[in-house]
Every structure is written in C-alpha cells, then in structure tokens.
PDB file of all heavy atoms in Angstrom:
ATOM      1  N   ALA A   1      -9.576  -4.885  -4.949  1.00  0.00           N
ATOM      2  CA  ALA A   1     -10.252  -3.804  -5.672  1.00  0.00           C
ATOM      3  C   ALA A   1      -9.356  -2.577  -5.780  1.00  0.00           C
ATOM      4  O   ALA A   1      -9.316  -1.908  -6.827  1.00  0.00           O
ATOM      5  CB  ALA A   1     -11.559  -3.443  -4.972  1.00  0.00           C
ATOM      6  N   LEU A   2      -8.623  -2.278  -4.728  1.00  0.00           N
ATOM      7  CA  LEU A   2      -7.771  -1.089  -4.735  1.00  0.00           C
ATOM      8  C   LEU A   2      -6.587  -1.249  -5.681  1.00  0.00           C
ATOM      9  O   LEU A   2      -6.142  -0.274  -6.305  1.00  0.00           O
ATOM     10  CB  LEU A   2      -7.273  -0.799  -3.315  1.00  0.00           C
ATOM     11  CG  LEU A   2      -8.335  -0.312  -2.324  1.00  0.00           C
ATOM     12  CD1 LEU A   2      -7.785  -0.326  -0.906  1.00  0.00           C
ATOM     13  CD2 LEU A   2      -8.814   1.091  -2.690  1.00  0.00           C
ATOM     14  N   VAL A   3      -6.066  -2.452  -5.793  1.00  0.00           N
ATOM     15  CA  VAL A   3      -4.933  -2.694  -6.682  1.00  0.00           C
ATOM     16  C   VAL A   3      -5.289  -2.369  -8.129  1.00  0.00           C
ATOM     17  O   VAL A   3      -4.441  -1.922  -8.914  1.00  0.00           O
ATOM     18  CB  VAL A   3      -4.457  -4.164  -6.547  1.00  0.00           C
ATOM     19  CG1 VAL A   3      -3.544  -4.545  -7.714  1.00  0.00           C
ATOM     20  CG2 VAL A   3      -3.732  -4.356  -5.224  1.00  0.00           C
ATOM     21  N   ASP A   4      -6.540  -2.575  -8.499  1.00  0.00           N
ATOM     22  CA  ASP A   4      -6.972  -2.318  -9.870  1.00  0.00           C
ATOM     23  C   ASP A   4      -7.162  -0.833 -10.164  1.00  0.00           C
ATOM     24  O   ASP A   4      -7.364  -0.450 -11.317  1.00  0.00           O
ATOM     25  CB  ASP A   4      -8.291  -3.047 -10.144  1.00  0.00           C
ATOM     26  CG  ASP A   4      -8.122  -4.563 -10.145  1.00  0.00           C
ATOM     27  OD1 ASP A   4      -7.001  -5.026 -10.422  1.00  0.00           O
ATOM     28  OD2 ASP A   4      -9.113  -5.263  -9.864  1.00  0.00           O
ATOM     29  N   GLY A   5      -7.112   0.005  -9.132  1.00  0.00           N
ATOM     30  CA  GLY A   5      -7.317   1.438  -9.323  1.00  0.00           C
ATOM     31  C   GLY A   5      -6.017   2.199  -9.499  1.00  0.00           C
ATOM     32  O   GLY A   5      -4.941   1.614  -9.677  1.00  0.00           O
ATOM     33  N   GLU A   6      -6.116   3.516  -9.445  1.00  0.00           N
ATOM     34  CA  GLU A   6      -4.941   4.369  -9.580  1.00  0.00           C
ATOM     35  C   GLU A   6      -4.031   4.190  -8.371  1.00  0.00           C
ATOM     36  O   GLU A   6      -4.503   4.097  -7.229  1.00  0.00           O
ATOM     37  CB  GLU A   6      -5.404   5.837  -9.674  1.00  0.00           C
ATOM     38  CG  GLU A   6      -4.286   6.831  -9.914  1.00  0.00           C
ATOM     39  CD  GLU A   6      -4.800   8.260 -10.012  1.00  0.00           C
ATOM     40  OE1 GLU A   6      -6.038   8.433 -10.099  1.00  0.00           O
ATOM     41  OE2 GLU A   6      -3.973   9.196  -9.992  1.00  0.00           O
ATOM     42  N   PRO A   7      -2.717   4.126  -8.571  1.00  0.00           N
ATOM     43  CA  PRO A   7      -1.812   3.901  -7.442  1.00  0.00           C
ATOM     44  C   PRO A   7      -1.792   5.084  -6.472  1.00  0.00           C
ATOM     45  O   PRO A   7      -2.080   6.217  -6.853  1.00  0.00           O
ATOM     46  CB  PRO A   7      -0.452   3.697  -8.104  1.00  0.00           C
ATOM     47  CG  PRO A   7      -0.566   4.393  -9.421  1.00  0.00           C
ATOM     48  CD  PRO A   7      -1.995   4.214  -9.850  1.00  0.00           C
ATOM     49  N   PHE A   8      -1.425   4.782  -5.261  1.00  0.00           N
ATOM     50  CA  PHE A   8      -1.337   5.804  -4.216  1.00  0.00           C
ATOM     51  C   PHE A   8       0.105   6.281  -4.077  1.00  0.00           C
ATOM     52  O   PHE A   8       1.051   5.555  -4.376  1.00  0.00           O
ATOM     53  CB  PHE A   8      -1.835   5.243  -2.884  1.00  0.00           C
ATOM     54  CG  PHE A   8      -3.309   4.929  -2.865  1.00  0.00           C
ATOM     55  CD1 PHE A   8      -3.773   3.676  -3.242  1.00  0.00           C
ATOM     56  CD2 PHE A   8      -4.224   5.897  -2.469  1.00  0.00           C
ATOM     57  CE1 PHE A   8      -5.131   3.390  -3.230  1.00  0.00           C
ATOM     58  CE2 PHE A   8      -5.584   5.616  -2.457  1.00  0.00           C
ATOM     59  CZ  PHE A   8      -6.037   4.364  -2.839  1.00  0.00           C
ATOM     60  N   ASP A   9       0.246   7.505  -3.576  1.00  0.00           N
ATOM     61  CA  ASP A   9       1.578   8.072  -3.352  1.00  0.00           C
ATOM     62  C   ASP A   9       2.147   7.675  -2.001  1.00  0.00           C
ATOM     63  O   ASP A   9       3.371   7.704  -1.809  1.00  0.00           O
ATOM     64  CB  ASP A   9       1.514   9.602  -3.456  1.00  0.00           C
ATOM     65  CG  ASP A   9       1.045  10.058  -4.819  1.00  0.00           C
ATOM     66  OD1 ASP A   9       1.783   9.840  -5.794  1.00  0.00           O
ATOM     67  OD2 ASP A   9      -0.075  10.611  -4.908  1.00  0.00           O
ATOM     68  N   ALA A  10       1.275   7.311  -1.061  1.00  0.00           N
ATOM     69  CA  ALA A  10       1.747   6.906   0.261  1.00  0.00           C
ATOM     70  C   ALA A  10       0.704   6.007   0.902  1.00  0.00           C
ATOM     71  O   ALA A  10      -0.491   6.119   0.628  1.00  0.00           O
ATOM     72  CB  ALA A  10       2.024   8.112   1.147  1.00  0.00           C
ATOM     73  N   LEU A  11       1.187   5.124   1.762  1.00  0.00           N
ATOM     74  CA  LEU A  11       0.337   4.247   2.553  1.00  0.00           C
ATOM     75  C   LEU A  11       0.716   4.417   4.011  1.00  0.00           C
ATOM     76  O   LEU A  11       1.888   4.280   4.375  1.00  0.00           O
ATOM     77  CB  LEU A  11       0.512   2.790   2.138  1.00  0.00           C
ATOM     78  CG  LEU A  11      -0.164   1.737   3.015  1.00  0.00           C
ATOM     79  CD1 LEU A  11      -1.683   1.867   2.954  1.00  0.00           C
ATOM     80  CD2 LEU A  11       0.260   0.333   2.595  1.00  0.00           C
ATOM     81  N   THR A  12      -0.265   4.733   4.858  1.00  0.00           N
ATOM     82  CA  THR A  12      -0.025   4.909   6.287  1.00  0.00           C
ATOM     83  C   THR A  12      -0.903   3.923   7.046  1.00  0.00           C
ATOM     84  O   THR A  12      -2.113   3.867   6.828  1.00  0.00           O
ATOM     85  CB  THR A  12      -0.323   6.348   6.733  1.00  0.00           C
ATOM     86  OG1 THR A  12      -1.673   6.698   6.374  1.00  0.00           O
ATOM     87  CG2 THR A  12       0.628   7.323   6.058  1.00  0.00           C
ATOM     88  N   LEU A  13      -0.298   3.152   7.942  1.00  0.00           N
ATOM     89  CA  LEU A  13      -1.001   2.084   8.638  1.00  0.00           C
ATOM     90  C   LEU A  13      -0.842   2.215  10.142  1.00  0.00           C
ATOM     91  O   LEU A  13       0.265   2.445  10.648  1.00  0.00           O
ATOM     92  CB  LEU A  13      -0.462   0.721   8.203  1.00  0.00           C
ATOM     93  CG  LEU A  13      -0.559   0.375   6.716  1.00  0.00           C
ATOM     94  CD1 LEU A  13       0.207  -0.915   6.429  1.00  0.00           C
ATOM     95  CD2 LEU A  13      -2.018   0.237   6.295  1.00  0.00           C
ATOM     96  N   ASP A  14      -1.948   2.048  10.846  1.00  0.00           N
ATOM     97  CA  ASP A  14      -1.949   1.995  12.308  1.00  0.00           C
ATOM     98  C   ASP A  14      -2.876   0.855  12.714  1.00  0.00           C
ATOM     99  O   ASP A  14      -3.899   1.046  13.361  1.00  0.00           O
ATOM    100  CB  ASP A  14      -2.421   3.335  12.893  1.00  0.00           C
ATOM    101  CG  ASP A  14      -2.384   3.371  14.419  1.00  0.00           C
ATOM    102  OD1 ASP A  14      -1.915   2.387  15.020  1.00  0.00           O
ATOM    103  OD2 ASP A  14      -2.841   4.373  15.003  1.00  0.00           O
ATOM    104  N   THR A  15      -2.522  -0.366  12.282  1.00  0.00           N
ATOM    105  CA  THR A  15      -3.361  -1.532  12.496  1.00  0.00           C
ATOM    106  C   THR A  15      -2.504  -2.716  12.931  1.00  0.00           C
ATOM    107  O   THR A  15      -1.314  -2.804  12.597  1.00  0.00           O
ATOM    108  CB  THR A  15      -4.112  -1.926  11.206  1.00  0.00           C
ATOM    109  OG1 THR A  15      -3.153  -2.269  10.199  1.00  0.00           O
ATOM    110  CG2 THR A  15      -4.989  -0.787  10.720  1.00  0.00           C
ATOM    111  N   GLY A  16      -3.134  -3.652  13.635  1.00  0.00           N
ATOM    112  CA  GLY A  16      -2.412  -4.826  14.086  1.00  0.00           C
ATOM    113  C   GLY A  16      -1.995  -5.755  12.961  1.00  0.00           C
ATOM    114  O   GLY A  16      -1.021  -6.506  13.091  1.00  0.00           O
ATOM    115  N   ASP A  17      -2.725  -5.722  11.833  1.00  0.00           N
ATOM    116  CA  ASP A  17      -2.398  -6.595  10.709  1.00  0.00           C
ATOM    117  C   ASP A  17      -1.568  -5.881   9.648  1.00  0.00           C
ATOM    118  O   ASP A  17      -1.526  -6.302   8.491  1.00  0.00           O
ATOM    119  CB  ASP A  17      -3.672  -7.165  10.087  1.00  0.00           C
ATOM    120  CG  ASP A  17      -4.603  -6.078   9.542  1.00  0.00           C
ATOM    121  OD1 ASP A  17      -4.274  -4.887   9.692  1.00  0.00           O
ATOM    122  OD2 ASP A  17      -5.660  -6.430   8.988  1.00  0.00           O
ATOM    123  N   ALA A  18      -0.900  -4.817  10.025  1.00  0.00           N
ATOM    124  CA  ALA A  18      -0.107  -4.040   9.073  1.00  0.00           C
ATOM    125  C   ALA A  18       0.891  -4.893   8.284  1.00  0.00           C
ATOM    126  O   ALA A  18       1.034  -4.711   7.075  1.00  0.00           O
ATOM    127  CB  ALA A  18       0.613  -2.899   9.794  1.00  0.00           C
ATOM    128  N   PRO A  19       1.600  -5.851   8.915  1.00  0.00           N
ATOM    129  CA  PRO A  19       2.557  -6.645   8.127  1.00  0.00           C
ATOM    130  C   PRO A  19       1.915  -7.372   6.954  1.00  0.00           C
ATOM    131  O   PRO A  19       2.513  -7.478   5.874  1.00  0.00           O
ATOM    132  CB  PRO A  19       3.112  -7.639   9.162  1.00  0.00           C
ATOM    133  CG  PRO A  19       3.003  -6.919  10.472  1.00  0.00           C
ATOM    134  CD  PRO A  19       1.713  -6.152  10.355  1.00  0.00           C
ATOM    135  N   ALA A  20       0.682  -7.873   7.123  1.00  0.00           N
ATOM    136  CA  ALA A  20      -0.001  -8.570   6.028  1.00  0.00           C
ATOM    137  C   ALA A  20      -0.313  -7.616   4.888  1.00  0.00           C
ATOM    138  O   ALA A  20      -0.296  -8.009   3.708  1.00  0.00           O
ATOM    139  CB  ALA A  20      -1.286  -9.217   6.550  1.00  0.00           C
ATOM    140  N   VAL A  21      -0.613  -6.361   5.208  1.00  0.00           N
ATOM    141  CA  VAL A  21      -0.872  -5.364   4.166  1.00  0.00           C
ATOM    142  C   VAL A  21       0.429  -4.986   3.468  1.00  0.00           C
ATOM    143  O   VAL A  21       0.478  -4.840   2.238  1.00  0.00           O
ATOM    144  CB  VAL A  21      -1.541  -4.111   4.772  1.00  0.00           C
ATOM    145  CG1 VAL A  21      -1.780  -3.058   3.691  1.00  0.00           C
ATOM    146  CG2 VAL A  21      -2.852  -4.481   5.450  1.00  0.00           C
ATOM    147  N   VAL A  22       1.489  -4.853   4.244  1.00  0.00           N
ATOM    148  CA  VAL A  22       2.783  -4.461   3.686  1.00  0.00           C
ATOM    149  C   VAL A  22       3.249  -5.463   2.633  1.00  0.00           C
ATOM    150  O   VAL A  22       3.879  -5.087   1.633  1.00  0.00           O
ATOM    151  CB  VAL A  22       3.834  -4.315   4.808  1.00  0.00           C
ATOM    152  CG1 VAL A  22       5.233  -4.115   4.220  1.00  0.00           C
ATOM    153  CG2 VAL A  22       3.470  -3.141   5.716  1.00  0.00           C
ATOM    154  N   GLU A  23       2.926  -6.718   2.821  1.00  0.00           N
ATOM    155  CA  GLU A  23       3.338  -7.743   1.856  1.00  0.00           C
ATOM    156  C   GLU A  23       2.810  -7.459   0.453  1.00  0.00           C
ATOM    157  O   GLU A  23       3.413  -7.885  -0.539  1.00  0.00           O
ATOM    158  CB  GLU A  23       2.844  -9.117   2.321  1.00  0.00           C
ATOM    159  CG  GLU A  23       3.532  -9.617   3.598  1.00  0.00           C
ATOM    160  CD  GLU A  23       2.935 -10.917   4.083  1.00  0.00           C
ATOM    161  OE1 GLU A  23       1.958 -11.404   3.448  1.00  0.00           O
ATOM    162  OE2 GLU A  23       3.426 -11.460   5.087  1.00  0.00           O
ATOM    163  N   ARG A  24       1.703  -6.749   0.352  1.00  0.00           N
ATOM    164  CA  ARG A  24       1.099  -6.473  -0.958  1.00  0.00           C
ATOM    165  C   ARG A  24       1.138  -4.995  -1.330  1.00  0.00           C
ATOM    166  O   ARG A  24       0.571  -4.601  -2.346  1.00  0.00           O
ATOM    167  CB  ARG A  24      -0.351  -6.948  -0.961  1.00  0.00           C
ATOM    168  CG  ARG A  24      -0.533  -8.435  -0.779  1.00  0.00           C
ATOM    169  CD  ARG A  24      -1.970  -8.826  -1.021  1.00  0.00           C
ATOM    170  NE  ARG A  24      -2.417  -8.429  -2.362  1.00  0.00           N
ATOM    171  CZ  ARG A  24      -3.689  -8.457  -2.743  1.00  0.00           C
ATOM    172  NH1 ARG A  24      -4.622  -8.866  -1.901  1.00  0.00           N
ATOM    173  NH2 ARG A  24      -4.027  -8.087  -3.958  1.00  0.00           N
ATOM    174  N   VAL A  25       1.816  -4.202  -0.532  1.00  0.00           N
ATOM    175  CA  VAL A  25       1.714  -2.761  -0.707  1.00  0.00           C
ATOM    176  C   VAL A  25       2.374  -2.277  -1.995  1.00  0.00           C
ATOM    177  O   VAL A  25       2.010  -1.233  -2.534  1.00  0.00           O
ATOM    178  CB  VAL A  25       2.322  -2.042   0.518  1.00  0.00           C
ATOM    179  CG1 VAL A  25       3.838  -2.116   0.493  1.00  0.00           C
ATOM    180  CG2 VAL A  25       1.883  -0.597   0.576  1.00  0.00           C
ATOM    181  N   ASP A  26       3.342  -3.040  -2.530  1.00  0.00           N
ATOM    182  CA  ASP A  26       3.991  -2.576  -3.752  1.00  0.00           C
ATOM    183  C   ASP A  26       3.031  -2.565  -4.932  1.00  0.00           C
ATOM    184  O   ASP A  26       3.254  -1.880  -5.930  1.00  0.00           O
ATOM    185  CB  ASP A  26       5.216  -3.435  -4.086  1.00  0.00           C
ATOM    186  CG  ASP A  26       4.865  -4.900  -4.273  1.00  0.00           C
ATOM    187  OD1 ASP A  26       3.933  -5.359  -3.599  1.00  0.00           O
ATOM    188  OD2 ASP A  26       5.527  -5.569  -5.086  1.00  0.00           O
ATOM    189  N   ASP A  27       1.916  -3.319  -4.820  1.00  0.00           N
ATOM    190  CA  ASP A  27       0.889  -3.286  -5.860  1.00  0.00           C
ATOM    191  C   ASP A  27      -0.012  -2.058  -5.739  1.00  0.00           C
ATOM    192  O   ASP A  27      -0.743  -1.723  -6.670  1.00  0.00           O
ATOM    193  CB  ASP A  27       0.008  -4.534  -5.789  1.00  0.00           C
ATOM    194  CG  ASP A  27       0.787  -5.810  -6.080  1.00  0.00           C
ATOM    195  OD1 ASP A  27       1.714  -5.756  -6.900  1.00  0.00           O
ATOM    196  OD2 ASP A  27       0.458  -6.854  -5.481  1.00  0.00           O
ATOM    197  N   LEU A  28       0.025  -1.413  -4.585  1.00  0.00           N
ATOM    198  CA  LEU A  28      -0.841  -0.271  -4.326  1.00  0.00           C
ATOM    199  C   LEU A  28      -0.141   1.060  -4.546  1.00  0.00           C
ATOM    200  O   LEU A  28      -0.785   2.055  -4.854  1.00  0.00           O
ATOM    201  CB  LEU A  28      -1.356  -0.317  -2.879  1.00  0.00           C
ATOM    202  CG  LEU A  28      -2.252  -1.482  -2.479  1.00  0.00           C
ATOM    203  CD1 LEU A  28      -2.437  -1.509  -0.967  1.00  0.00           C
ATOM    204  CD2 LEU A  28      -3.598  -1.355  -3.168  1.00  0.00           C
ATOM    205  N   LEU A  29       1.175   1.081  -4.366  1.00  0.00           N
ATOM    206  CA  LEU A  29       1.913   2.338  -4.392  1.00  0.00           C
ATOM    207  C   LEU A  29       2.517   2.629  -5.768  1.00  0.00           C
ATOM    208  O   LEU A  29       2.941   1.725  -6.485  1.00  0.00           O
ATOM    209  CB  LEU A  29       3.038   2.312  -3.357  1.00  0.00           C
ATOM    210  CG  LEU A  29       2.618   2.428  -1.894  1.00  0.00           C
ATOM    211  CD1 LEU A  29       3.821   2.261  -0.978  1.00  0.00           C
ATOM    212  CD2 LEU A  29       1.941   3.768  -1.639  1.00  0.00           C
ATOM    213  N   ALA A  30       2.576   3.896  -6.091  1.00  0.00           N
ATOM    214  CA  ALA A  30       3.275   4.333  -7.291  1.00  0.00           C
ATOM    215  C   ALA A  30       4.779   4.109  -7.086  1.00  0.00           C
ATOM    216  O   ALA A  30       5.244   4.021  -5.948  1.00  0.00           O
ATOM    217  CB  ALA A  30       2.989   5.817  -7.549  1.00  0.00           C
ATOM    218  N   PRO A  31       5.553   3.993  -8.162  1.00  0.00           N
ATOM    219  CA  PRO A  31       7.000   3.827  -8.003  1.00  0.00           C
ATOM    220  C   PRO A  31       7.581   4.938  -7.125  1.00  0.00           C
ATOM    221  O   PRO A  31       7.325   6.119  -7.345  1.00  0.00           O
ATOM    222  CB  PRO A  31       7.516   3.922  -9.441  1.00  0.00           C
ATOM    223  CG  PRO A  31       6.373   3.452 -10.277  1.00  0.00           C
ATOM    224  CD  PRO A  31       5.137   3.959  -9.577  1.00  0.00           C
ATOM    225  N   GLY A  32       8.345   4.521  -6.111  1.00  0.00           N
ATOM    226  CA  GLY A  32       8.923   5.492  -5.198  1.00  0.00           C
ATOM    227  C   GLY A  32       7.976   5.958  -4.114  1.00  0.00           C
ATOM    228  O   GLY A  32       8.332   6.827  -3.305  1.00  0.00           O
ATOM    229  N   GLY A  33       6.755   5.389  -4.087  1.00  0.00           N
ATOM    230  CA  GLY A  33       5.798   5.777  -3.062  1.00  0.00           C
ATOM    231  C   GLY A  33       6.285   5.425  -1.665  1.00  0.00           C
ATOM    232  O   GLY A  33       7.156   4.569  -1.484  1.00  0.00           O
ATOM    233  N   ARG A  34       5.724   6.085  -0.677  1.00  0.00           N
ATOM    234  CA  ARG A  34       6.216   5.960   0.692  1.00  0.00           C
ATOM    235  C   ARG A  34       5.271   5.152   1.574  1.00  0.00           C
ATOM    236  O   ARG A  34       4.041   5.243   1.450  1.00  0.00           O
ATOM    237  CB  ARG A  34       6.418   7.340   1.297  1.00  0.00           C
ATOM    238  CG  ARG A  34       7.452   8.193   0.568  1.00  0.00           C
ATOM    239  CD  ARG A  34       8.862   7.685   0.806  1.00  0.00           C
ATOM    240  NE  ARG A  34       9.859   8.481   0.092  1.00  0.00           N
ATOM    241  CZ  ARG A  34      11.163   8.441   0.335  1.00  0.00           C
ATOM    242  NH1 ARG A  34      11.623   7.624   1.283  1.00  0.00           N
ATOM    243  NH2 ARG A  34      11.999   9.175  -0.360  1.00  0.00           N
ATOM    244  N   LEU A  35       5.870   4.405   2.486  1.00  0.00           N
ATOM    245  CA  LEU A  35       5.143   3.598   3.456  1.00  0.00           C
ATOM    246  C   LEU A  35       5.472   4.077   4.856  1.00  0.00           C
ATOM    247  O   LEU A  35       6.635   4.357   5.170  1.00  0.00           O
ATOM    248  CB  LEU A  35       5.542   2.130   3.317  1.00  0.00           C
ATOM    249  CG  LEU A  35       5.115   1.184   4.444  1.00  0.00           C
ATOM    250  CD1 LEU A  35       3.606   0.968   4.426  1.00  0.00           C
ATOM    251  CD2 LEU A  35       5.856  -0.150   4.329  1.00  0.00           C
TER     252      LEU A  35
END
C-alpha cells in the first residue's frame, strides 16, 4: 500500500526484520532518499 503512495525522503528502521524491508525500500524512497 505504501509503495503506491507518494515516496518518502527517508526511511528509519529499528526492527529485527529491517533487512527484509531494506530489500524493497527503493520502491518507497524518492531518488536520493536516505536509509
């Protein structure tokens, strides 16, 4: 659902499953966005 919305400028994660989210994070972030 989030991928279909406006991209984010940054993604901050403090979770045990962070690597699984990182695999798809380029679909969530604007070009040059920060992780």
